[in-house]
Amino acid sequence: MKRLFLFLCCAAALSWSGCSKDDDNTVDLTQLVGTWELTKIYDGEEDDWDEEWGAEFGYIWTIEFRADGTAKTHSEEPDYSSDREYTYTVASNMLTMTDLKDPDYPETFRIERLTVSELVLAIDYKDGNGKTCTDKEYYKRIN
């Protein structure tokens, strides 16, 4: 549950703040389409890495981006699993995901890196003291 809580905190921080960087990088959407598995998370506020993601650790988080602009997330951990459906858009290097069950609070991520095999999503936000922090989620392509 700690890992799910951490991910949800990252998502909440994203929905409460905007991105502070404007990059003109354009994302190749053909590279984004597919299924991605979370491999590690960096918590910028705590300066802490969580690299215990994947089946070997009992915590799985995947995102499937479809060519039609829809996406599905799947999370699995001991005694809990969840699937959510989204729509998504990409403008420049900004990815906005809108949960179909909660469309009033879209989440926006900066695509920091996208290759055939690696996806890095970043979230910029201010902590309780006003310091700008960046959390990052690292994914590997699984199909």
C-alpha atoms as a PDB file:
ATOM      1  CA  MET A   1       0.000   0.000   0.000  1.00  0.00           C
ATOM      2  CA  LYS A   2       2.944   2.354   0.647  1.00  0.00           C
ATOM      3  CA  ARG A   3       3.880   2.226  -3.032  1.00  0.00           C
ATOM      4  CA  LEU A   4       0.327   2.879  -4.162  1.00  0.00           C
ATOM      5  CA  PHE A   5       0.107   5.760  -1.698  1.00  0.00           C
ATOM      6  CA  LEU A   6       3.369   7.210  -3.060  1.00  0.00           C
ATOM      7  CA  PHE A   7       2.092   6.999  -6.626  1.00  0.00           C
ATOM      8  CA  LEU A   8      -1.218   8.601  -5.662  1.00  0.00           C
ATOM      9  CA  CYS A   9       0.637  11.385  -3.834  1.00  0.00           C
ATOM     10  CA  CYS A  10       2.632  12.049  -6.999  1.00  0.00           C
ATOM     11  CA  ALA A  11      -0.578  12.193  -9.004  1.00  0.00           C
ATOM     12  CA  ALA A  12      -2.194  14.499  -6.447  1.00  0.00           C
ATOM     13  CA  ALA A  13       0.798  16.836  -6.444  1.00  0.00           C
ATOM     14  CA  LEU A  14       0.550  16.987 -10.211  1.00  0.00           C
ATOM     15  CA  SER A  15      -3.117  17.913 -10.164  1.00  0.00           C
ATOM     16  CA  TRP A  16      -2.506  20.727  -7.658  1.00  0.00           C
ATOM     17  CA  SER A  17       0.259  22.418  -9.584  1.00  0.00           C
ATOM     18  CA  GLY A  18       1.299  23.297 -13.087  1.00  0.00           C
ATOM     19  CA  CYS A  19       4.525  22.519 -14.794  1.00  0.00           C
ATOM     20  CA  SER A  20       7.170  25.175 -14.412  1.00  0.00           C
ATOM     21  CA  LYS A  21       9.179  24.317 -17.516  1.00  0.00           C
ATOM     22  CA  ASP A  22       8.221  25.060 -21.106  1.00  0.00           C
ATOM     23  CA  ASP A  23      10.104  22.803 -23.480  1.00  0.00           C
ATOM     24  CA  ASP A  24       9.493  22.826 -27.199  1.00  0.00           C
ATOM     25  CA  ASN A  25      10.378  19.158 -27.589  1.00  0.00           C
ATOM     26  CA  THR A  26       7.933  17.265 -29.718  1.00  0.00           C
ATOM     27  CA  VAL A  27       7.087  13.685 -28.819  1.00  0.00           C
ATOM     28  CA  ASP A  28       6.897  10.954 -31.454  1.00  0.00           C
ATOM     29  CA  LEU A  29       3.511   9.469 -30.592  1.00  0.00           C
ATOM     30  CA  THR A  30       4.318   6.256 -32.442  1.00  0.00           C
ATOM     31  CA  GLN A  31       6.943   5.563 -29.762  1.00  0.00           C
ATOM     32  CA  LEU A  32       4.479   6.244 -26.931  1.00  0.00           C
ATOM     33  CA  VAL A  33       1.869   3.725 -28.071  1.00  0.00           C
ATOM     34  CA  GLY A  34       2.347   0.412 -26.282  1.00  0.00           C
ATOM     35  CA  THR A  35       2.475  -0.969 -22.760  1.00  0.00           C
ATOM     36  CA  TRP A  36       4.934   0.406 -20.215  1.00  0.00           C
ATOM     37  CA  GLU A  37       5.879  -1.028 -16.814  1.00  0.00           C
ATOM     38  CA  LEU A  38       7.037   1.149 -13.919  1.00  0.00           C
ATOM     39  CA  THR A  39      10.569   0.223 -12.803  1.00  0.00           C
ATOM     40  CA  LYS A  40      11.453   2.973 -10.322  1.00  0.00           C
ATOM     41  CA  ILE A  41      10.303   6.276  -8.865  1.00  0.00           C
ATOM     42  CA  TYR A  42      12.307   9.288  -7.747  1.00  0.00           C
ATOM     43  CA  ASP A  43      10.765  11.481  -5.019  1.00  0.00           C
ATOM     44  CA  GLY A  44      12.292  14.939  -5.516  1.00  0.00           C
ATOM     45  CA  GLU A  45      11.003  16.348  -2.224  1.00  0.00           C
ATOM     46  CA  GLU A  46      12.555  13.541  -0.174  1.00  0.00           C
ATOM     47  CA  ASP A  47      15.502  12.968  -2.560  1.00  0.00           C
ATOM     48  CA  ASP A  48      14.643   9.274  -2.395  1.00  0.00           C
ATOM     49  CA  TRP A  49      14.595   6.439  -4.935  1.00  0.00           C
ATOM     50  CA  ASP A  50      12.112   3.559  -4.834  1.00  0.00           C
ATOM     51  CA  GLU A  51      13.405   0.854  -7.154  1.00  0.00           C
ATOM     52  CA  GLU A  52      11.361  -2.060  -5.818  1.00  0.00           C
ATOM     53  CA  TRP A  53       8.821  -2.183  -8.633  1.00  0.00           C
ATOM     54  CA  GLY A  54       7.978  -5.186 -10.765  1.00  0.00           C
ATOM     55  CA  ALA A  55       6.739  -8.734 -10.346  1.00  0.00           C
ATOM     56  CA  GLU A  56       9.829  -9.769  -8.377  1.00  0.00           C
ATOM     57  CA  PHE A  57       8.865  -7.247  -5.679  1.00  0.00           C
ATOM     58  CA  GLY A  58       5.111  -7.897  -5.814  1.00  0.00           C
ATOM     59  CA  TYR A  59       4.284  -4.377  -7.033  1.00  0.00           C
ATOM     60  CA  ILE A  60       3.264  -3.914 -10.652  1.00  0.00           C
ATOM     61  CA  TRP A  61       2.144  -0.677 -12.308  1.00  0.00           C
ATOM     62  CA  THR A  62       1.583  -0.525 -16.059  1.00  0.00           C
ATOM     63  CA  ILE A  63       0.243   2.021 -18.513  1.00  0.00           C
ATOM     64  CA  GLU A  64      -1.035   0.984 -21.930  1.00  0.00           C
ATOM     65  CA  PHE A  65      -1.193   3.872 -24.410  1.00  0.00           C
ATOM     66  CA  ARG A  66      -3.422   3.115 -27.400  1.00  0.00           C
ATOM     67  CA  ALA A  67      -3.226   4.803 -30.807  1.00  0.00           C
ATOM     68  CA  ASP A  68      -6.834   6.049 -30.468  1.00  0.00           C
ATOM     69  CA  GLY A  69      -5.952   8.414 -27.588  1.00  0.00           C
ATOM     70  CA  THR A  70      -7.125   6.121 -24.798  1.00  0.00           C
ATOM     71  CA  ALA A  71      -5.013   4.548 -22.083  1.00  0.00           C
ATOM     72  CA  LYS A  72      -5.389   1.978 -19.339  1.00  0.00           C
ATOM     73  CA  THR A  73      -3.474   1.731 -16.087  1.00  0.00           C
ATOM     74  CA  HIS A  74      -3.152  -1.464 -14.109  1.00  0.00           C
ATOM     75  CA  SER A  75      -1.764  -1.753 -10.589  1.00  0.00           C
ATOM     76  CA  GLU A  76      -1.202  -4.933  -8.667  1.00  0.00           C
ATOM     77  CA  GLU A  77       0.198  -5.530  -5.214  1.00  0.00           C
ATOM     78  CA  PRO A  78      -0.461  -8.028  -2.439  1.00  0.00           C
ATOM     79  CA  ASP A  79      -4.191  -7.980  -1.621  1.00  0.00           C
ATOM     80  CA  TYR A  80      -5.005  -5.149  -4.075  1.00  0.00           C
ATOM     81  CA  SER A  81      -5.392  -4.551  -7.791  1.00  0.00           C
ATOM     82  CA  SER A  82      -6.915  -1.763  -9.848  1.00  0.00           C
ATOM     83  CA  ASP A  83      -7.606  -0.899 -13.483  1.00  0.00           C
ATOM     84  CA  ARG A  84      -8.438   2.618 -14.688  1.00  0.00           C
ATOM     85  CA  GLU A  85      -9.360   3.944 -18.134  1.00  0.00           C
ATOM     86  CA  TYR A  86      -8.136   7.322 -19.431  1.00  0.00           C
ATOM     87  CA  THR A  87      -8.053   9.540 -22.455  1.00  0.00           C
ATOM     88  CA  TYR A  88      -4.737  11.213 -23.173  1.00  0.00           C
ATOM     89  CA  THR A  89      -3.334  14.039 -25.249  1.00  0.00           C
ATOM     90  CA  VAL A  90       0.215  15.101 -25.973  1.00  0.00           C
ATOM     91  CA  ALA A  91       1.150  18.708 -26.735  1.00  0.00           C
ATOM     92  CA  SER A  92       4.835  19.307 -27.319  1.00  0.00           C
ATOM     93  CA  ASN A  93       6.340  17.139 -24.554  1.00  0.00           C
ATOM     94  CA  MET A  94       3.422  17.423 -22.124  1.00  0.00           C
ATOM     95  CA  LEU A  95       1.207  14.367 -21.546  1.00  0.00           C
ATOM     96  CA  THR A  96      -2.252  15.002 -20.098  1.00  0.00           C
ATOM     97  CA  MET A  97      -4.241  12.010 -18.853  1.00  0.00           C
ATOM     98  CA  THR A  98      -7.922  12.312 -17.948  1.00  0.00           C
ATOM     99  CA  ASP A  99      -9.497   9.572 -15.849  1.00  0.00           C
ATOM    100  CA  LEU A 100     -12.851   8.632 -17.380  1.00  0.00           C
ATOM    101  CA  LYS A 101     -14.342   8.203 -13.876  1.00  0.00           C
ATOM    102  CA  ASP A 102     -12.969  11.550 -12.628  1.00  0.00           C
ATOM    103  CA  PRO A 103     -12.682  13.874 -15.658  1.00  0.00           C
ATOM    104  CA  ASP A 104     -12.573  17.085 -13.611  1.00  0.00           C
ATOM    105  CA  TYR A 105      -8.971  16.489 -12.497  1.00  0.00           C
ATOM    106  CA  PRO A 106      -6.703  15.687 -15.442  1.00  0.00           C
ATOM    107  CA  GLU A 107      -3.085  14.867 -14.645  1.00  0.00           C
ATOM    108  CA  THR A 108      -0.246  16.434 -16.634  1.00  0.00           C
ATOM    109  CA  PHE A 109       3.239  14.958 -16.898  1.00  0.00           C
ATOM    110  CA  ARG A 110       6.338  16.199 -18.701  1.00  0.00           C
ATOM    111  CA  ILE A 111       7.753  13.510 -20.970  1.00  0.00           C
ATOM    112  CA  GLU A 112      11.398  13.821 -20.085  1.00  0.00           C
ATOM    113  CA  ARG A 113      12.620  10.873 -22.127  1.00  0.00           C
ATOM    114  CA  LEU A 114      10.953   8.661 -24.706  1.00  0.00           C
ATOM    115  CA  THR A 115      12.741   5.986 -26.699  1.00  0.00           C
ATOM    116  CA  VAL A 116      11.647   2.677 -28.144  1.00  0.00           C
ATOM    117  CA  SER A 117      12.344   1.017 -24.771  1.00  0.00           C
ATOM    118  CA  GLU A 118      12.298   3.765 -22.104  1.00  0.00           C
ATOM    119  CA  LEU A 119       9.786   6.345 -20.884  1.00  0.00           C
ATOM    120  CA  VAL A 120      10.487   8.891 -18.144  1.00  0.00           C
ATOM    121  CA  LEU A 121       7.611  11.023 -16.846  1.00  0.00           C
ATOM    122  CA  ALA A 122       8.334  14.028 -14.629  1.00  0.00           C
ATOM    123  CA  ILE A 123       6.104  16.071 -12.350  1.00  0.00           C
ATOM    124  CA  ASP A 124       7.169  19.522 -11.141  1.00  0.00           C
ATOM    125  CA  TYR A 125       5.540  20.931  -8.007  1.00  0.00           C
ATOM    126  CA  LYS A 126       6.177  23.110  -4.967  1.00  0.00           C
ATOM    127  CA  ASP A 127       6.580  21.465  -1.568  1.00  0.00           C
ATOM    128  CA  GLY A 128       5.121  22.878   1.660  1.00  0.00           C
ATOM    129  CA  ASN A 129       8.018  25.353   1.936  1.00  0.00           C
ATOM    130  CA  GLY A 130       7.658  26.669  -1.609  1.00  0.00           C
ATOM    131  CA  LYS A 131      10.694  24.769  -2.927  1.00  0.00           C
ATOM    132  CA  THR A 132      10.315  23.477  -6.501  1.00  0.00           C
ATOM    133  CA  CYS A 133      10.613  19.692  -6.615  1.00  0.00           C
ATOM    134  CA  THR A 134      10.522  17.167  -9.442  1.00  0.00           C
ATOM    135  CA  ASP A 135       9.275  13.609  -9.056  1.00  0.00           C
ATOM    136  CA  LYS A 136      10.088  11.119 -11.812  1.00  0.00           C
ATOM    137  CA  GLU A 137       8.624   7.802 -12.894  1.00  0.00           C
ATOM    138  CA  TYR A 138      10.758   5.437 -14.990  1.00  0.00           C
ATOM    139  CA  TYR A 139       9.122   2.885 -17.278  1.00  0.00           C
ATOM    140  CA  LYS A 140      10.309   0.112 -19.586  1.00  0.00           C
ATOM    141  CA  ARG A 141       8.362  -1.023 -22.635  1.00  0.00           C
ATOM    142  CA  ILE A 142       6.882  -4.494 -22.189  1.00  0.00           C
ATOM    143  CA  ASN A 143       5.048  -4.654 -25.540  1.00  0.00           C
END
